[in-house]
């Protein structure tokens, strides 16, 4: 009997045999947004003090660890969205995404 490679049940999968819960989809989305901000912050590291970088990285790490739990709470989306906006105030990631590419 061949061994099938099954994906985890909380992953996005087009096959309906794998249930996808709304909190899982939201937490995956938020986690990806946090990764983008973290990457952007890493590129700007020289502009911030070491303490600021440590504090922001700790906050991002903690938020990524708890995003699943936050997405199951009634106002979890609001909390995570508010935190992402605050992080965006530092990284300015959304502002750079709105700019047209320069040639």
Protein backbone atom coordinates (compact mmCIF):
# COMPACT_ATOMS: atom_id res chain seq x y z
CA UNK A 1 0.00 0.00 0.00
CA UNK A 2 1.55 3.38 -0.98
CA UNK A 3 2.22 5.94 1.70
CA UNK A 4 0.42 9.21 1.12
CA UNK A 5 1.84 12.52 2.14
CA UNK A 6 -0.99 14.11 4.14
CA UNK A 7 -0.88 17.77 4.97
CA UNK A 8 -1.63 18.97 8.49
CA UNK A 9 -5.34 19.56 9.02
CA UNK A 10 -4.82 23.25 9.75
CA UNK A 11 -3.08 23.98 6.44
CA UNK A 12 -4.72 25.55 3.45
CA UNK A 13 -5.61 22.80 1.06
CA UNK A 14 -7.98 22.88 -1.91
CA UNK A 15 -9.07 19.30 -1.26
CA UNK A 16 -12.30 19.26 0.78
CA UNK A 17 -11.12 16.19 2.71
CA UNK A 18 -9.01 18.55 4.78
CA UNK A 19 -11.20 20.77 6.96
CA UNK A 20 -10.11 24.36 7.19
CA UNK A 21 -11.30 26.36 10.16
CA UNK A 22 -11.80 30.11 9.97
CA UNK A 23 -9.46 30.82 12.93
CA UNK A 24 -6.75 28.76 11.22
CA UNK A 25 -7.06 30.69 7.97
CA UNK A 26 -6.98 34.01 9.83
CA UNK A 27 -4.02 33.00 11.98
CA UNK A 28 -2.11 31.83 8.89
CA UNK A 29 -2.83 35.19 7.25
CA UNK A 30 -1.75 37.16 10.33
CA UNK A 31 1.36 35.02 10.78
CA UNK A 32 2.37 35.71 7.17
CA UNK A 33 1.79 39.45 7.68
CA UNK A 34 3.95 39.33 10.81
CA UNK A 35 6.71 37.57 8.85
CA UNK A 36 6.60 40.32 6.22
CA UNK A 37 6.92 43.00 8.89
CA UNK A 38 9.74 41.10 10.60
CA UNK A 39 11.62 40.84 7.30
CA UNK A 40 11.07 44.53 6.61
CA UNK A 41 12.29 45.39 10.10
CA UNK A 42 15.43 43.31 9.56
CA UNK A 43 16.19 45.37 6.46
CA UNK A 44 15.88 48.55 8.55
CA UNK A 45 17.91 47.26 11.50
CA UNK A 46 20.63 49.91 11.13
CA UNK A 47 18.09 52.68 11.79
CA UNK A 48 17.08 51.41 15.25
CA UNK A 49 18.89 50.90 18.53
CA UNK A 50 19.76 47.41 19.68
CA UNK A 51 17.23 47.66 22.53
CA UNK A 52 14.44 48.70 20.18
CA UNK A 53 15.18 45.77 17.88
CA UNK A 54 15.23 43.33 20.79
CA UNK A 55 11.93 44.69 22.13
CA UNK A 56 10.17 44.65 18.76
CA UNK A 57 11.47 41.18 17.90
CA UNK A 58 10.27 39.89 21.28
CA UNK A 59 6.83 41.41 20.68
CA UNK A 60 6.64 39.89 17.19
CA UNK A 61 7.73 36.49 18.48
CA UNK A 62 5.15 36.58 21.28
CA UNK A 63 2.39 37.65 18.92
CA UNK A 64 3.28 34.87 16.46
CA UNK A 65 3.18 32.34 19.30
CA UNK A 66 -0.27 33.47 20.44
CA UNK A 67 -1.96 34.36 17.14
CA UNK A 68 -3.86 31.04 17.00
CA UNK A 69 -5.35 31.61 20.43
CA UNK A 70 -6.12 35.26 19.67
CA UNK A 71 -8.03 34.30 16.52
CA UNK A 72 -10.40 32.14 18.54
CA UNK A 73 -11.42 34.99 20.86
CA UNK A 74 -14.39 37.17 20.06
CA UNK A 75 -12.33 40.34 19.53
CA UNK A 76 -9.09 38.60 18.56
CA UNK A 77 -9.12 39.89 14.98
CA UNK A 78 -9.46 43.43 16.28
CA UNK A 79 -6.54 42.97 18.68
CA UNK A 80 -4.22 41.44 16.07
CA UNK A 81 -5.23 44.02 13.44
CA UNK A 82 -4.54 46.87 15.87
CA UNK A 83 -1.12 45.41 16.72
CA UNK A 84 -0.29 44.97 13.03
CA UNK A 85 -1.15 48.64 12.40
CA UNK A 86 1.17 49.66 15.25
CA UNK A 87 3.95 47.49 13.87
CA UNK A 88 3.32 48.99 10.43
CA UNK A 89 3.87 52.41 12.00
CA UNK A 90 7.45 51.30 12.60
CA UNK A 91 8.15 49.25 9.47
CA UNK A 92 6.11 51.39 7.05
CA UNK A 93 5.53 48.21 5.04
CA UNK A 94 2.06 49.21 3.83
CA UNK A 95 3.35 52.61 2.70
CA UNK A 96 6.06 50.97 0.60
CA UNK A 97 3.50 48.57 -0.91
CA UNK A 98 1.34 51.53 -1.98
CA UNK A 99 4.17 53.24 -3.87
CA UNK A 100 4.51 52.57 -7.59
CA UNK A 101 7.73 50.78 -8.54
CA UNK A 102 10.57 53.01 -9.72
CA UNK A 103 12.41 52.17 -12.90
